C-alpha atoms as a PDB file:
ATOM      1  CA  MET A   1     -49.128 -72.581 -22.273  1.00  0.00           C
ATOM      2  CA  LEU A   2     -48.344 -75.194 -19.965  1.00  0.00           C
ATOM      3  CA  GLU A   3     -50.395 -77.529 -21.429  1.00  0.00           C
ATOM      4  CA  LYS A   4     -48.746 -77.086 -25.118  1.00  0.00           C
ATOM      5  CA  LYS A   5     -45.355 -77.573 -23.417  1.00  0.00           C
ATOM      6  CA  TRP A   6     -46.613 -80.786 -21.967  1.00  0.00           C
ATOM      7  CA  LEU A   7     -48.090 -82.092 -25.450  1.00  0.00           C
ATOM      8  CA  VAL A   8     -44.279 -81.153 -27.185  1.00  0.00           C
ATOM      9  CA  GLN A   9     -42.578 -82.794 -24.355  1.00  0.00           C
ATOM     10  CA  LYS A  10     -45.103 -86.177 -24.782  1.00  0.00           C
ATOM     11  CA  ALA A  11     -44.803 -85.743 -28.316  1.00  0.00           C
ATOM     12  CA  LYS A  12     -40.812 -86.011 -27.927  1.00  0.00           C
ATOM     13  CA  LYS A  13     -41.484 -89.238 -26.318  1.00  0.00           C
ATOM     14  CA  GLY A  14     -43.115 -90.590 -28.856  1.00  0.00           C
ATOM     15  CA  ASP A  15     -46.505 -90.188 -28.048  1.00  0.00           C
ATOM     16  CA  GLU A  16     -49.151 -89.523 -31.011  1.00  0.00           C
ATOM     17  CA  GLU A  17     -52.261 -88.813 -29.512  1.00  0.00           C
ATOM     18  CA  ALA A  18     -49.877 -85.503 -27.846  1.00  0.00           C
ATOM     19  CA  PHE A  19     -48.753 -85.091 -31.345  1.00  0.00           C
ATOM     20  CA  PHE A  20     -51.565 -85.328 -33.193  1.00  0.00           C
ATOM     21  CA  ALA A  21     -53.171 -82.743 -30.683  1.00  0.00           C
ATOM     22  CA  LEU A  22     -50.456 -79.961 -31.597  1.00  0.00           C
ATOM     23  CA  ILE A  23     -51.094 -80.468 -34.639  1.00  0.00           C
ATOM     24  CA  SER A  24     -54.766 -80.498 -34.818  1.00  0.00           C
ATOM     25  CA  SER A  25     -54.793 -77.306 -32.952  1.00  0.00           C
ATOM     26  CA  HIS A  26     -52.475 -75.923 -35.738  1.00  0.00           C
ATOM     27  CA  LYS A  27     -54.149 -76.933 -38.577  1.00  0.00           C
ATOM     28  CA  ASP A  28     -56.477 -74.144 -39.789  1.00  0.00           C
ATOM     29  CA  GLN A  29     -53.173 -72.010 -39.630  1.00  0.00           C
ATOM     30  CA  LEU A  30     -50.998 -74.503 -41.384  1.00  0.00           C
ATOM     31  CA  TYR A  31     -53.902 -74.686 -44.158  1.00  0.00           C
ATOM     32  CA  ARG A  32     -54.140 -70.899 -44.501  1.00  0.00           C
ATOM     33  CA  ILE A  33     -50.304 -70.223 -45.161  1.00  0.00           C
ATOM     34  CA  ALA A  34     -50.006 -73.430 -47.644  1.00  0.00           C
ATOM     35  CA  TYR A  35     -53.328 -72.075 -49.326  1.00  0.00           C
ATOM     36  CA  SER A  36     -51.737 -68.997 -49.859  1.00  0.00           C
ATOM     37  CA  TYR A  37     -48.514 -70.404 -51.530  1.00  0.00           C
ATOM     38  CA  LEU A  38     -49.854 -73.073 -53.324  1.00  0.00           C
ATOM     39  CA  LYS A  39     -53.399 -71.593 -54.224  1.00  0.00           C
ATOM     40  CA  ASN A  40     -55.991 -74.614 -54.311  1.00  0.00           C
ATOM     41  CA  GLU A  41     -57.218 -76.818 -51.547  1.00  0.00           C
ATOM     42  CA  ALA A  42     -55.835 -80.371 -53.259  1.00  0.00           C
ATOM     43  CA  ASP A  43     -52.219 -79.283 -52.645  1.00  0.00           C
ATOM     44  CA  SER A  44     -52.985 -77.389 -49.260  1.00  0.00           C
ATOM     45  CA  LEU A  45     -54.357 -80.439 -47.768  1.00  0.00           C
ATOM     46  CA  GLU A  46     -51.928 -82.289 -49.304  1.00  0.00           C
ATOM     47  CA  ALA A  47     -49.093 -79.795 -47.525  1.00  0.00           C
ATOM     48  CA  ILE A  48     -50.722 -80.454 -44.040  1.00  0.00           C
ATOM     49  CA  GLN A  49     -50.351 -84.028 -44.626  1.00  0.00           C
ATOM     50  CA  GLU A  50     -46.765 -84.099 -45.594  1.00  0.00           C
ATOM     51  CA  VAL A  51     -45.889 -81.434 -43.039  1.00  0.00           C
ATOM     52  CA  THR A  52     -47.523 -83.328 -40.174  1.00  0.00           C
ATOM     53  CA  TYR A  53     -44.977 -86.561 -41.326  1.00  0.00           C
ATOM     54  CA  ARG A  54     -41.793 -84.498 -41.156  1.00  0.00           C
ATOM     55  CA  ALA A  55     -43.031 -82.891 -37.980  1.00  0.00           C
ATOM     56  CA  PHE A  56     -43.973 -86.325 -36.625  1.00  0.00           C
ATOM     57  CA  LYS A  57     -40.103 -87.565 -37.915  1.00  0.00           C
ATOM     58  CA  GLY A  58     -38.462 -84.456 -36.455  1.00  0.00           C
ATOM     59  CA  ILE A  59     -40.093 -83.718 -33.116  1.00  0.00           C
ATOM     60  CA  LYS A  60     -37.407 -85.154 -31.247  1.00  0.00           C
ATOM     61  CA  LYS A  61     -35.045 -82.604 -32.667  1.00  0.00           C
ATOM     62  CA  LEU A  62     -36.911 -79.567 -31.831  1.00  0.00           C
ATOM     63  CA  LYS A  63     -34.864 -77.912 -28.468  1.00  0.00           C
ATOM     64  CA  GLN A  64     -37.680 -75.921 -26.792  1.00  0.00           C
ATOM     65  CA  ALA A  65     -41.145 -76.544 -26.773  1.00  0.00           C
ATOM     66  CA  ASP A  66     -42.093 -72.912 -26.681  1.00  0.00           C
ATOM     67  CA  TYR A  67     -40.716 -72.926 -30.311  1.00  0.00           C
ATOM     68  CA  PHE A  68     -43.284 -75.611 -31.479  1.00  0.00           C
ATOM     69  CA  SER A  69     -45.549 -73.353 -33.618  1.00  0.00           C
ATOM     70  CA  THR A  70     -42.824 -71.151 -35.375  1.00  0.00           C
ATOM     71  CA  TRP A  71     -40.640 -74.630 -36.065  1.00  0.00           C
ATOM     72  CA  LEU A  72     -44.107 -76.140 -37.480  1.00  0.00           C
ATOM     73  CA  VAL A  73     -44.565 -72.768 -39.237  1.00  0.00           C
ATOM     74  CA  ARG A  74     -40.932 -72.810 -40.419  1.00  0.00           C
ATOM     75  CA  ILE A  75     -41.616 -76.577 -41.999  1.00  0.00           C
ATOM     76  CA  MET A  76     -44.783 -75.479 -43.610  1.00  0.00           C
ATOM     77  CA  ILE A  77     -43.192 -72.403 -45.674  1.00  0.00           C
ATOM     78  CA  ASN A  78     -39.850 -74.680 -46.441  1.00  0.00           C
ATOM     79  CA  TYR A  79     -42.507 -77.204 -47.836  1.00  0.00           C
ATOM     80  CA  CYS A  80     -44.684 -74.892 -49.999  1.00  0.00           C
ATOM     81  CA  ARG A  81     -41.579 -72.681 -51.181  1.00  0.00           C
ATOM     82  CA  ASP A  82     -40.126 -75.898 -52.747  1.00  0.00           C
ATOM     83  CA  GLU A  83     -43.207 -77.077 -54.032  1.00  0.00           C
ATOM     84  CA  TRP A  84     -44.207 -73.601 -55.493  1.00  0.00           C
ATOM     85  CA  LYS A  85     -40.574 -74.183 -57.463  1.00  0.00           C
ATOM     86  CA  LYS A  86     -41.486 -77.511 -58.566  1.00  0.00           C
ATOM     87  CA  LYS A  87     -44.788 -76.292 -60.375  1.00  0.00           C
ATOM     88  CA  LYS A  88     -42.980 -72.953 -61.686  1.00  0.00           C
ATOM     89  CA  ARG A  89     -40.685 -75.429 -63.677  1.00  0.00           C
ATOM     90  CA  GLU A  90     -43.760 -77.587 -64.763  1.00  0.00           C
ATOM     91  CA  PRO A  91     -46.313 -76.299 -67.741  1.00  0.00           C
ATOM     92  CA  ASN A  92     -49.257 -75.215 -65.938  1.00  0.00           C
ATOM     93  CA  MET A  93     -52.020 -77.606 -67.620  1.00  0.00           C
ATOM     94  CA  GLN A  94     -54.506 -77.251 -64.585  1.00  0.00           C
ATOM     95  CA  ILE A  95     -58.004 -75.333 -64.531  1.00  0.00           C
ATOM     96  CA  ASN A  96     -58.890 -74.097 -61.243  1.00  0.00           C
ATOM     97  CA  MET A  97     -62.763 -74.718 -61.073  1.00  0.00           C
ATOM     98  CA  GLU A  98     -62.618 -74.926 -57.025  1.00  0.00           C
ATOM     99  CA  GLU A  99     -64.627 -71.813 -56.698  1.00  0.00           C
ATOM    100  CA  PRO A 100     -67.135 -70.119 -58.960  1.00  0.00           C
ATOM    101  CA  TYR A 101     -66.305 -66.232 -59.292  1.00  0.00           C
ATOM    102  CA  THR A 102     -68.609 -63.600 -58.331  1.00  0.00           C
ATOM    103  CA  GLU A 103     -67.826 -59.932 -57.400  1.00  0.00           C
ATOM    104  CA  ASP A 104     -67.521 -60.220 -54.397  1.00  0.00           C
ATOM    105  CA  ASN A 105     -64.151 -62.351 -54.972  1.00  0.00           C
ATOM    106  CA  ASP A 106     -62.418 -59.167 -56.749  1.00  0.00           C
ATOM    107  CA  LEU A 107     -60.888 -57.486 -54.169  1.00  0.00           C
ATOM    108  CA  GLN A 108     -59.726 -61.254 -53.000  1.00  0.00           C
ATOM    109  CA  LEU A 109     -58.267 -61.969 -56.526  1.00  0.00           C
ATOM    110  CA  GLU A 110     -56.155 -58.424 -56.494  1.00  0.00           C
ATOM    111  CA  VAL A 111     -54.934 -59.096 -53.071  1.00  0.00           C
ATOM    112  CA  GLN A 112     -53.281 -62.133 -54.316  1.00  0.00           C
ATOM    113  CA  GLU A 113     -52.422 -60.750 -57.252  1.00  0.00           C
ATOM    114  CA  ALA A 114     -50.150 -57.928 -55.721  1.00  0.00           C
ATOM    115  CA  MET A 115     -48.573 -60.420 -52.686  1.00  0.00           C
ATOM    116  CA  SER A 116     -47.479 -63.138 -55.398  1.00  0.00           C
ATOM    117  CA  LEU A 117     -45.611 -60.318 -57.394  1.00  0.00           C
ATOM    118  CA  LEU A 118     -43.844 -59.321 -53.657  1.00  0.00           C
ATOM    119  CA  GLY A 119     -42.227 -62.609 -53.875  1.00  0.00           C
ATOM    120  CA  ASP A 120     -39.995 -63.536 -50.586  1.00  0.00           C
ATOM    121  CA  PRO A 121     -39.199 -62.678 -48.027  1.00  0.00           C
ATOM    122  CA  TYR A 122     -41.889 -60.213 -48.133  1.00  0.00           C
ATOM    123  CA  GLN A 123     -44.692 -62.011 -48.839  1.00  0.00           C
ATOM    124  CA  THR A 124     -44.276 -64.390 -46.248  1.00  0.00           C
ATOM    125  CA  VAL A 125     -43.584 -61.476 -43.549  1.00  0.00           C
ATOM    126  CA  ILE A 126     -46.189 -59.813 -44.633  1.00  0.00           C
ATOM    127  CA  GLN A 127     -48.817 -62.876 -44.586  1.00  0.00           C
ATOM    128  CA  LEU A 128     -47.328 -64.055 -41.033  1.00  0.00           C
ATOM    129  CA  ARG A 129     -47.684 -60.654 -39.646  1.00  0.00           C
ATOM    130  CA  TYR A 130     -51.552 -59.206 -41.263  1.00  0.00           C
ATOM    131  CA  MET A 131     -52.979 -62.674 -41.879  1.00  0.00           C
ATOM    132  CA  GLU A 132     -51.794 -65.119 -39.268  1.00  0.00           C
ATOM    133  CA  ASP A 133     -51.704 -62.363 -36.468  1.00  0.00           C
ATOM    134  CA  PHE A 134     -47.695 -63.113 -35.347  1.00  0.00           C
ATOM    135  CA  MET A 135     -45.506 -60.880 -33.516  1.00  0.00           C
ATOM    136  CA  ILE A 136     -42.632 -59.804 -35.267  1.00  0.00           C
ATOM    137  CA  LYS A 137     -40.385 -61.349 -32.687  1.00  0.00           C
ATOM    138  CA  ASP A 138     -42.050 -64.593 -33.412  1.00  0.00           C
ATOM    139  CA  ILE A 139     -41.669 -64.102 -37.470  1.00  0.00           C
ATOM    140  CA  ALA A 140     -37.549 -63.219 -36.669  1.00  0.00           C
ATOM    141  CA  LYS A 141     -37.908 -66.717 -35.359  1.00  0.00           C
ATOM    142  CA  VAL A 142     -39.789 -68.518 -38.290  1.00  0.00           C
ATOM    143  CA  MET A 143     -37.391 -66.685 -40.810  1.00  0.00           C
ATOM    144  CA  ASP A 144     -34.128 -67.346 -38.797  1.00  0.00           C
ATOM    145  CA  SER A 145     -33.344 -63.507 -38.988  1.00  0.00           C
ATOM    146  CA  SER A 146     -33.174 -60.686 -36.851  1.00  0.00           C
ATOM    147  CA  GLU A 147     -36.084 -58.496 -35.355  1.00  0.00           C
ATOM    148  CA  ASN A 148     -34.754 -55.728 -37.752  1.00  0.00           C
ATOM    149  CA  THR A 149     -34.216 -57.292 -40.671  1.00  0.00           C
ATOM    150  CA  VAL A 150     -38.083 -58.469 -40.163  1.00  0.00           C
ATOM    151  CA  LYS A 151     -39.377 -54.858 -39.796  1.00  0.00           C
ATOM    152  CA  THR A 152     -37.298 -53.611 -42.709  1.00  0.00           C
ATOM    153  CA  TRP A 153     -38.891 -56.628 -44.799  1.00  0.00           C
ATOM    154  CA  LEU A 154     -42.430 -55.531 -43.944  1.00  0.00           C
ATOM    155  CA  ARG A 155     -41.671 -52.181 -44.476  1.00  0.00           C
ATOM    156  CA  LYS A 156     -40.537 -52.506 -47.836  1.00  0.00           C
ATOM    157  CA  GLY A 157     -42.993 -55.017 -48.845  1.00  0.00           C
ATOM    158  CA  LEU A 158     -46.098 -52.661 -48.033  1.00  0.00           C
ATOM    159  CA  GLU A 159     -44.002 -50.482 -49.668  1.00  0.00           C
ATOM    160  CA  LYS A 160     -44.164 -52.731 -52.919  1.00  0.00           C
ATOM    161  CA  LEU A 161     -47.753 -53.046 -52.015  1.00  0.00           C
ATOM    162  CA  ARG A 162     -48.207 -49.417 -52.103  1.00  0.00           C
ATOM    163  CA  GLN A 163     -46.773 -48.968 -55.077  1.00  0.00           C
ATOM    164  CA  TYR A 164     -48.448 -51.938 -56.910  1.00  0.00           C
ATOM    165  CA  TRP A 165     -52.078 -50.308 -55.871  1.00  0.00           C
ATOM    166  CA  ASP A 166     -50.994 -46.790 -56.764  1.00  0.00           C
ATOM    167  CA  GLU A 167     -49.741 -48.126 -60.718  1.00  0.00           C
ATOM    168  CA  LYS A 168     -53.309 -50.123 -60.478  1.00  0.00           C
ATOM    169  CA  GLY A 169     -54.988 -46.668 -59.463  1.00  0.00           C
ATOM    170  CA  GLY A 170     -56.456 -48.783 -56.431  1.00  0.00           C
ATOM    171  CA  SER A 171     -57.194 -47.842 -52.862  1.00  0.00           C
ATOM    172  CA  LYS A 172     -54.417 -46.531 -50.107  1.00  0.00           C
ATOM    173  CA  HIS A 173     -55.395 -49.103 -47.418  1.00  0.00           C
ATOM    174  CA  VAL A 174     -52.400 -50.637 -47.526  1.00  0.00           C
END
């Protein structure tokens, strides 16, 4: 934790090595978040590049080093939401041929479908809590909301997922 604070302080002073060390320690998490929104590798990698650029340009505005992770995740979520809105307006002419279909992907595809039907803020809160292992207080910081609001979104999101699985005749693992 002290090393992270030290790296943030150095990055705020313009140390590129420190900044890229911080980004490197978050790249897997950023990729998972981007992929959950954008649904393909190329767009997810582009998102990481753009968020890295935005974070580099804005790191001097970061007030507390302790909040670097939540600040960075927030930048990624905002970027992905903007991209998702842009793509929603464009006709979808792209065929996703990244992964061949297998039966092992069934559950993953169903979960992705269910999550995409949730919409914000439920999708974001559930992803951060259960897929990224964020604590409620950290989600509240990322979402710029109170912890009680996050708990409510989490409860309602899980209820919507249960309802989805019930209607589909699926399992009760949610």
